[in-house]
Amino acid sequence: MIRVSIPSPLFSYTGGQKQIEAAGESLAVLLQTLERRYPGMRHRIVDEQDCVRKHIRFFVNGEIATRLDQALRPGDEVMIVAALSGG
């Protein structure tokens, strides 16, 4: 399993859980797994063109990941970070 840290703007999808475990051999597959478990969550992370939204960043084992085809292995840690914005 992969440990996933969830940003606070997405807590409403996970019932307030800050960390969850999920499976997936890439970030794309991991997001599909999360979408099945937490419907609507993926749309907040990825847009209609399958691009990561501008305010979202992924870190895999502490290293920034810029592509959804980033490979994952059991035991990896994925952090989803949502930038704060406003005026």
Protein backbone atom coordinates (compact mmCIF):
# COMPACT_ATOMS: atom_id res chain seq x y z
CA MET A 1 0.00 0.00 0.00
CA ILE A 2 0.95 3.62 -0.53
CA ARG A 3 0.49 6.20 2.21
CA VAL A 4 -1.20 9.34 0.86
CA SER A 5 -1.24 12.67 2.71
CA ILE A 6 -4.36 14.65 1.88
CA PRO A 7 -4.45 18.48 1.89
CA SER A 8 -7.09 20.15 4.06
CA PRO A 9 -9.18 21.42 1.07
CA LEU A 10 -9.89 17.74 0.26
CA PHE A 11 -10.76 16.59 3.80
CA SER A 12 -14.46 16.75 2.95
CA TYR A 13 -13.94 13.82 0.55
CA THR A 14 -12.06 11.66 3.07
CA GLY A 15 -14.28 12.36 6.06
CA GLY A 16 -11.54 14.47 7.64
CA GLN A 17 -8.79 11.86 7.28
CA LYS A 18 -5.39 13.48 6.79
CA GLN A 19 -3.67 10.27 5.70
CA ILE A 20 -5.07 7.31 3.84
CA GLU A 21 -3.65 4.19 2.25
CA ALA A 22 -4.32 3.23 -1.34
CA ALA A 23 -2.81 1.21 -4.16
CA GLY A 24 -1.60 2.18 -7.63
CA GLU A 25 1.45 1.59 -9.79
CA SER A 26 1.47 5.26 -10.90
CA LEU A 27 0.02 8.57 -9.74
CA ALA A 28 -2.67 8.25 -12.42
CA VAL A 29 -3.76 4.83 -11.17
CA LEU A 30 -3.57 6.01 -7.55
CA LEU A 31 -5.93 8.89 -8.42
CA GLN A 32 -8.34 6.43 -10.06
CA THR A 33 -8.28 4.35 -6.87
CA LEU A 34 -8.95 7.44 -4.77
CA GLU A 35 -11.80 8.45 -7.09
CA ARG A 36 -13.50 5.07 -6.64
CA ARG A 37 -13.24 5.40 -2.86
CA TYR A 38 -13.91 9.16 -2.66
CA PRO A 39 -16.10 10.17 -5.64
CA GLY A 40 -15.40 13.67 -6.95
CA MET A 41 -11.94 13.94 -5.44
CA ARG A 42 -10.01 13.39 -8.68
CA HIS A 43 -11.78 16.30 -10.39
CA ARG A 44 -10.41 18.63 -7.70
CA ILE A 45 -6.88 17.43 -8.54
CA VAL A 46 -6.96 16.85 -12.32
CA ASP A 47 -8.83 18.91 -14.92
CA GLU A 48 -10.91 17.78 -17.91
CA GLN A 49 -7.77 17.54 -20.11
CA ASP A 50 -6.18 15.12 -17.61
CA CYS A 51 -3.69 17.76 -16.47
CA VAL A 52 -2.84 18.38 -12.85
CA ARG A 53 -4.54 21.59 -11.71
CA LYS A 54 -2.19 24.56 -11.34
CA HIS A 55 -2.63 24.80 -7.56
CA ILE A 56 -1.86 21.11 -6.90
CA ARG A 57 1.60 19.55 -6.40
CA PHE A 58 2.61 15.96 -5.76
CA PHE A 59 5.60 14.78 -3.76
CA VAL A 60 6.65 11.13 -3.86
CA ASN A 61 8.98 10.16 -1.03
CA GLY A 62 9.83 13.84 -0.55
CA GLU A 63 10.65 14.51 -4.21
CA ILE A 64 8.41 16.61 -6.45
CA ALA A 65 6.56 14.59 -9.09
CA THR A 66 5.38 16.50 -12.13
CA ARG A 67 3.84 13.73 -14.24
CA LEU A 68 0.87 11.46 -13.64
CA ASP A 69 2.82 8.52 -15.07
CA GLN A 70 5.26 8.75 -12.13
CA ALA A 71 5.82 5.15 -11.04
CA LEU A 72 4.85 4.14 -7.50
CA ARG A 73 5.75 1.13 -5.38
CA PRO A 74 4.23 -0.34 -2.23
CA GLY A 75 5.62 1.54 0.75
CA ASP A 76 5.93 4.86 -1.10
CA GLU A 77 4.61 8.03 0.48
CA VAL A 78 2.67 10.48 -1.67
CA MET A 79 1.88 13.97 -0.46
CA ILE A 80 -0.76 15.97 -2.30
CA VAL A 81 -0.24 19.68 -1.69
CA ALA A 82 -2.81 22.33 -2.51
CA ALA A 83 -1.47 25.88 -2.77
CA LEU A 84 -3.41 28.58 -0.99
CA SER A 85 -4.69 31.41 -3.13
CA GLY A 86 -6.92 34.38 -2.82
CA GLY A 87 -6.81 38.07 -2.63
